[in-house]
Amino acid sequence: MPSGKTTNPNAINSKVPRATERSERRVAGGHGNTRDLSASLKKLKSLPVGSEERNFLVLEIARKFGDEDPDQGFLWLKSLGEFKEGIRAHRAFAASYASSRSDSWLQAVPTDATEACRKEFIAGALVGVASSDPFKALDQVDNLLRAGKIDSTTKDATINSILLSDENSGWTIIANSDSKPGYSQEEVKRYFSFVRYEDPARITERILGLTDLGLQASAWESAARNAPEEAVSKMADFLLANQTSPSANIGFARLAERYYHTDPVRAAEWCNQITDQDLYNQIKSVIEKHASFQSSDISKLIIEKLGR
């Protein structure tokens, strides 16, 4: 099989609509050479099936074949058979292969492979496409799901891979979720569960920028649960500085309980600086409720800090 955009005669004859074209990059570990690949194949023969070293090498060879020599790679995949080793290799090969063939990989899905191998090939290819163009990958997921060629589990795993692969790409998808109604609250929660809270102010600003209040509530719920302690106070401070934002109230309500458990005294002082009286009363009641379970001295101190 040629390595360009030709059609595999044993392939699924499906077409996927093109999304906005973006530059594509390869995800395999660089460009090796045939001699390196041959040496790896020779070494593979000496390793016992099921060994950790062999499992790792199989995936490495699969990625190299997908990137460097897909014609031979398809033949090699056949030689592995239908067991776990072959199934995993199909996924790794496809991720590398599809990363530079985002418009043509579907014509290369091997129809003579087992159903399990085909499923892993498609799942791996979608992750490969996502590495260069997340939106194209999402379009392909939608079309394959409607065509019955993937199931909801593969869809969710692909979306998860996209969100986890790159913080900025993940955010781009979240920020444009209004036009992608299928990717909403669960994806928002997932994003804010993995994102690195290195810049709490930026994270808070992003949440406040969400126009859909349901998505924003989901974002705050996940952020309040997953942000490290040192980020919570910075997010709270940013909220306080932007408390006139129309959507800030959701953040105060979601963050109050977590902030209290992080630093109850600072949380009380934070609450006392809220200018909106109704919001102040709401957050005050949350803090007072938790303060009632503290020792009398701490509870008294917190109540004092809440005084206007």
Protein backbone atom coordinates (compact mmCIF):
# COMPACT_ATOMS: atom_id res chain seq x y z
CA MET A 1 0.00 0.00 0.00
CA PRO A 2 1.46 3.39 -0.94
CA SER A 3 2.07 5.65 1.98
CA GLY A 4 0.37 8.66 0.43
CA LYS A 5 -3.33 9.36 -0.03
CA THR A 6 -4.17 6.21 -2.00
CA THR A 7 -6.93 3.79 -1.22
CA ASN A 8 -6.48 0.43 0.44
CA PRO A 9 -8.51 -2.15 -1.56
CA ASN A 10 -9.36 -3.86 1.76
CA ALA A 11 -10.51 -0.65 3.40
CA ILE A 12 -13.77 0.75 4.69
CA ASN A 13 -15.11 2.89 1.85
CA SER A 14 -16.38 5.80 3.92
CA LYS A 15 -15.81 9.48 3.45
CA VAL A 16 -15.51 11.96 6.28
CA PRO A 17 -16.31 15.66 5.61
CA ARG A 18 -13.32 17.93 5.69
CA ALA A 19 -13.03 20.42 8.53
CA THR A 20 -11.05 23.64 8.47
CA GLU A 21 -7.57 22.87 7.18
CA ARG A 22 -4.71 23.40 9.59
CA SER A 23 -1.07 22.49 9.39
CA GLU A 24 -0.37 18.90 10.30
CA ARG A 25 2.53 17.49 12.29
CA ARG A 26 3.69 14.00 13.06
CA VAL A 27 3.39 12.53 16.50
CA ALA A 28 5.71 9.58 16.12
CA GLY A 29 9.09 9.79 17.78
CA GLY A 30 10.96 11.47 14.97
CA HIS A 31 12.19 9.95 11.70
CA GLY A 32 14.40 6.92 12.09
CA ASN A 33 15.67 4.75 9.23
CA THR A 34 15.10 1.28 7.82
CA ARG A 35 18.17 -0.12 9.55
CA ASP A 36 16.87 0.98 12.98
CA LEU A 37 13.50 -0.59 12.23
CA SER A 38 15.09 -3.83 11.09
CA ALA A 39 17.19 -3.98 14.23
CA SER A 40 14.09 -3.50 16.35
CA LEU A 41 12.26 -6.28 14.51
CA LYS A 42 15.22 -8.60 14.97
CA LYS A 43 15.32 -7.84 18.68
CA LEU A 44 11.57 -8.39 18.96
CA LYS A 45 11.98 -12.03 17.83
CA SER A 46 14.27 -12.71 20.78
CA LEU A 47 11.85 -11.40 23.42
CA PRO A 48 9.25 -13.64 25.07
CA VAL A 49 5.61 -12.86 24.32
CA GLY A 50 3.98 -10.96 27.18
CA SER A 51 7.20 -9.55 28.59
CA GLU A 52 7.20 -5.88 29.49
CA GLU A 53 10.14 -5.16 27.20
CA ARG A 54 8.42 -6.85 24.26
CA ASN A 55 5.16 -5.01 24.85
CA PHE A 56 6.99 -1.69 24.85
CA LEU A 57 8.98 -2.57 21.73
CA VAL A 58 5.86 -3.66 19.82
CA LEU A 59 4.31 -0.22 20.36
CA GLU A 60 7.55 1.52 19.40
CA ILE A 61 7.83 -0.50 16.17
CA ALA A 62 4.17 0.14 15.37
CA ARG A 63 4.64 3.90 15.73
CA LYS A 64 7.76 3.82 13.54
CA PHE A 65 6.03 1.81 10.84
CA GLY A 66 3.11 4.23 10.83
CA ASP A 67 5.45 7.15 10.46
CA GLU A 68 8.18 5.76 8.21
CA ASP A 69 7.01 2.72 6.27
CA PRO A 70 3.25 2.14 6.41
CA ASP A 71 3.28 -0.28 3.45
CA GLN A 72 5.40 -2.77 5.37
CA GLY A 73 3.63 -1.77 8.55
CA PHE A 74 0.27 -3.10 7.37
CA LEU A 75 1.91 -6.44 6.49
CA TRP A 76 3.62 -6.54 9.89
CA LEU A 77 0.33 -5.90 11.69
CA LYS A 78 -1.14 -8.96 9.95
CA SER A 79 1.75 -11.08 11.21
CA LEU A 80 0.98 -10.23 14.84
CA GLY A 81 -2.38 -11.91 14.81
CA GLU A 82 -5.53 -11.03 16.71
CA PHE A 83 -4.35 -11.27 20.30
CA LYS A 84 -3.57 -8.42 22.70
CA GLU A 85 -0.22 -7.68 21.10
CA GLY A 86 -1.76 -7.22 17.67
CA ILE A 87 -4.68 -5.18 19.00
CA ARG A 88 -2.41 -2.71 20.81
CA ALA A 89 -0.12 -2.47 17.78
CA HIS A 90 -3.05 -1.52 15.53
CA ARG A 91 -3.85 1.41 17.80
CA ALA A 92 -0.27 2.67 18.05
CA PHE A 93 0.33 2.28 14.31
CA ALA A 94 -2.88 4.11 13.41
CA ALA A 95 -2.16 7.07 15.73
CA SER A 96 1.16 7.63 14.00
CA TYR A 97 -0.19 6.92 10.52
CA ALA A 98 -3.23 9.21 10.76
CA SER A 99 -1.40 12.16 12.30
CA SER A 100 -0.13 13.11 8.84
CA ARG A 101 -3.07 11.68 6.87
CA SER A 102 -6.04 13.28 8.59
CA ASP A 103 -8.15 13.27 5.41
CA SER A 104 -7.31 9.82 4.06
CA TRP A 105 -6.70 7.45 6.98
CA LEU A 106 -10.25 6.09 6.95
CA GLN A 107 -9.67 4.47 3.56
CA ALA A 108 -6.81 2.49 5.13
CA VAL A 109 -8.78 0.77 7.91
CA PRO A 110 -7.98 -2.93 7.27
CA THR A 111 -11.22 -4.81 6.67
CA ASP A 112 -9.45 -8.16 6.84
CA ALA A 113 -8.46 -7.56 10.47
CA THR A 114 -10.56 -8.68 13.43
CA GLU A 115 -13.27 -6.42 14.76
CA ALA A 116 -11.18 -5.70 17.86
CA CYS A 117 -8.19 -4.67 15.74
CA ARG A 118 -10.32 -2.46 13.50
CA LYS A 119 -11.87 -0.78 16.53
CA GLU A 120 -8.46 -0.02 18.01
CA PHE A 121 -7.17 1.16 14.63
CA ILE A 122 -10.00 3.70 14.36
CA ALA A 123 -9.62 4.83 17.97
CA GLY A 124 -5.87 5.29 17.54
CA ALA A 125 -6.30 7.12 14.23
CA LEU A 126 -8.72 9.61 15.80
CA VAL A 127 -6.19 10.39 18.52
CA GLY A 128 -3.54 10.85 15.81
CA VAL A 129 -5.75 13.29 13.89
CA ALA A 130 -6.48 15.15 17.13
CA SER A 131 -2.77 15.76 17.65
CA SER A 132 -2.72 18.03 14.61
CA ASP A 133 -6.32 19.21 14.32
CA PRO A 134 -8.64 18.66 17.32
CA PHE A 135 -11.69 20.08 15.55
CA LYS A 136 -11.25 17.80 12.55
CA ALA A 137 -11.00 14.86 14.93
CA LEU A 138 -14.26 15.90 16.60
CA ASP A 139 -15.99 16.17 13.22
CA GLN A 140 -14.77 12.70 12.33
CA VAL A 141 -15.94 11.32 15.68
CA ASP A 142 -19.43 12.70 15.01
CA ASN A 143 -19.60 11.23 11.53
CA LEU A 144 -18.26 7.83 12.56
CA LEU A 145 -20.67 7.67 15.49
CA ARG A 146 -23.63 8.43 13.22
CA ALA A 147 -22.41 5.84 10.73
CA GLY A 148 -22.21 3.22 13.46
CA LYS A 149 -18.47 2.68 12.98
CA ILE A 150 -17.59 3.66 16.55
CA ASP A 151 -19.51 3.46 19.80
CA SER A 152 -20.05 6.04 22.52
CA THR A 153 -17.15 4.61 24.55
CA THR A 154 -14.71 5.29 21.70
CA LYS A 155 -16.22 8.74 21.26
CA ASP A 156 -15.73 9.58 24.94
CA ALA A 157 -12.19 8.19 24.96
CA THR A 158 -11.26 10.27 21.90
CA ILE A 159 -12.68 13.47 23.36
CA ASN A 160 -10.87 12.75 26.59
CA SER A 161 -7.59 12.27 24.71
CA ILE A 162 -8.06 15.59 22.94
CA LEU A 163 -8.79 17.43 26.16
CA LEU A 164 -5.85 15.88 27.95
CA SER A 165 -3.32 16.19 25.13
CA ASP A 166 -2.95 19.95 25.15
CA GLU A 167 -4.32 22.51 27.59
CA ASN A 168 -4.82 25.23 24.99
CA SER A 169 -6.43 22.94 22.39
CA GLY A 170 -8.71 21.61 25.09
CA TRP A 171 -9.72 25.09 26.09
CA THR A 172 -10.37 26.07 22.48
CA ILE A 173 -12.88 23.24 22.28
CA ILE A 174 -14.52 24.22 25.57
CA ALA A 175 -14.71 27.88 24.59
CA ASN A 176 -16.46 26.95 21.35
CA SER A 177 -18.77 24.43 22.97
CA ASP A 178 -21.89 26.44 22.10
CA SER A 179 -21.45 25.30 18.49
CA LYS A 180 -20.70 21.74 19.63
CA PRO A 181 -23.68 20.84 21.84
CA GLY A 182 -22.44 17.26 22.16
CA TYR A 183 -19.34 18.41 24.04
CA SER A 184 -20.54 20.26 27.06
CA GLN A 185 -20.73 19.88 30.81
CA GLU A 186 -18.91 16.57 31.21
CA GLU A 187 -16.08 17.76 28.99
CA VAL A 188 -15.86 21.01 30.96
CA LYS A 189 -15.60 19.07 34.21
CA ARG A 190 -12.97 16.81 32.72
CA TYR A 191 -10.91 19.74 31.46
CA PHE A 192 -10.83 21.49 34.83
CA SER A 193 -9.99 18.24 36.58
CA PHE A 194 -6.73 17.81 34.64
CA VAL A 195 -5.66 21.37 33.82
CA ARG A 196 -2.51 22.57 35.56
CA TYR A 197 -3.42 25.45 37.86
CA GLU A 198 -0.12 27.24 37.28
CA ASP A 199 -1.93 30.51 36.52
CA PRO A 200 -5.04 30.59 38.75
CA ALA A 201 -6.02 34.07 37.59
CA ARG A 202 -6.08 32.97 33.96
CA ILE A 203 -8.12 29.88 34.84
CA THR A 204 -10.62 32.05 36.74
CA GLU A 205 -10.80 34.51 33.86
CA ARG A 206 -11.51 31.68 31.44
CA ILE A 207 -14.35 30.38 33.60
CA LEU A 208 -15.88 33.85 33.94
CA GLY A 209 -15.69 34.18 30.15
CA LEU A 210 -18.01 31.23 29.56
CA THR A 211 -21.36 32.60 28.42
CA ASP A 212 -23.34 29.43 29.11
CA LEU A 213 -24.13 29.54 32.84
CA GLY A 214 -24.58 25.77 32.96
CA LEU A 215 -21.09 25.26 31.59
CA GLN A 216 -19.74 27.85 33.97
CA ALA A 217 -21.34 26.11 36.95
CA SER A 218 -19.77 22.82 35.83
CA ALA A 219 -16.40 24.52 35.44
CA TRP A 220 -16.56 25.99 38.95
CA GLU A 221 -17.68 22.68 40.42
CA SER A 222 -14.68 20.90 38.92
CA ALA A 223 -12.21 23.69 39.65
CA ALA A 224 -13.33 24.00 43.28
CA ARG A 225 -12.83 20.27 43.71
CA ASN A 226 -9.54 19.86 41.84
CA ALA A 227 -7.53 23.07 42.22
CA PRO A 228 -4.56 22.72 44.60
CA GLU A 229 -4.80 24.66 47.87
CA GLU A 230 -2.32 27.33 46.81
CA ALA A 231 -4.43 28.06 43.73
CA VAL A 232 -7.74 28.34 45.59
CA SER A 233 -6.88 31.57 47.41
CA LYS A 234 -5.56 33.17 44.20
CA MET A 235 -8.72 32.23 42.34
CA ALA A 236 -10.76 33.67 45.21
CA ASP A 237 -8.77 36.91 45.08
CA PHE A 238 -9.28 37.21 41.33
CA LEU A 239 -13.00 36.70 41.82
CA LEU A 240 -13.06 39.41 44.46
CA ALA A 241 -11.31 41.84 42.11
CA ASN A 242 -13.89 41.04 39.42
CA GLN A 243 -16.97 40.66 41.59
CA THR A 244 -18.98 43.03 39.41
CA SER A 245 -18.79 40.51 36.56
CA PRO A 246 -22.34 39.30 35.79
CA SER A 247 -21.25 35.69 36.20
CA ALA A 248 -19.06 36.06 39.28
CA ASN A 249 -21.82 35.02 41.71
CA ILE A 250 -21.62 31.42 40.52
CA GLY A 251 -17.92 31.38 41.28
CA PHE A 252 -18.36 32.77 44.78
CA ALA A 253 -21.02 30.20 45.59
CA ARG A 254 -19.00 27.26 44.24
CA LEU A 255 -15.66 28.33 45.68
CA ALA A 256 -16.76 29.36 49.17
CA GLU A 257 -16.87 25.91 50.74
CA ARG A 258 -13.51 24.83 49.29
CA TYR A 259 -11.88 28.10 50.35
CA TYR A 260 -13.22 27.66 53.88
CA HIS A 261 -11.65 24.21 54.16
CA THR A 262 -8.38 25.58 52.76
CA ASP A 263 -8.13 28.60 55.09
CA PRO A 264 -11.25 29.40 57.17
CA VAL A 265 -10.00 32.73 58.53
CA ARG A 266 -8.99 34.06 55.11
CA ALA A 267 -12.25 32.79 53.67
CA ALA A 268 -14.17 34.80 56.27
CA GLU A 269 -12.12 37.92 55.48
CA TRP A 270 -12.73 37.29 51.78
CA CYS A 271 -16.46 37.03 52.32
CA ASN A 272 -16.44 40.29 54.27
CA GLN A 273 -15.17 42.15 51.18
CA ILE A 274 -18.08 41.13 48.98
CA THR A 275 -19.99 44.30 48.17
CA ASP A 276 -23.27 42.78 46.98
CA GLN A 277 -25.35 42.34 50.12
CA ASP A 278 -27.37 39.37 48.89
CA LEU A 279 -24.24 37.54 47.77
CA TYR A 280 -22.49 38.43 51.02
CA ASN A 281 -25.38 36.94 53.00
CA GLN A 282 -25.30 33.78 50.89
CA ILE A 283 -21.55 33.20 51.31
CA LYS A 284 -21.68 34.22 54.97
CA SER A 285 -24.26 31.52 55.66
CA VAL A 286 -22.01 28.90 54.07
CA ILE A 287 -19.06 29.93 56.21
CA GLU A 288 -21.13 30.19 59.39
CA LYS A 289 -22.50 26.70 58.81
CA HIS A 290 -19.01 25.21 58.65
CA ALA A 291 -17.73 27.39 61.49
CA SER A 292 -20.36 25.88 63.77
CA PHE A 293 -18.46 22.59 63.63
CA GLN A 294 -15.16 24.17 64.74
CA SER A 295 -13.95 24.62 68.29
CA SER A 296 -15.52 27.55 70.09
CA ASP A 297 -12.38 29.73 69.86
CA ILE A 298 -11.95 29.23 66.12
CA SER A 299 -15.66 29.60 65.51
CA LYS A 300 -15.70 32.87 67.44
CA LEU A 301 -12.71 34.21 65.46
CA ILE A 302 -14.36 33.35 62.16
CA ILE A 303 -17.64 34.99 63.15
CA GLU A 304 -15.72 38.13 64.14
CA LYS A 305 -14.05 38.21 60.74
CA LEU A 306 -17.47 38.04 59.10
CA GLY A 307 -18.63 41.21 60.82
CA ARG A 308 -19.11 44.15 58.54
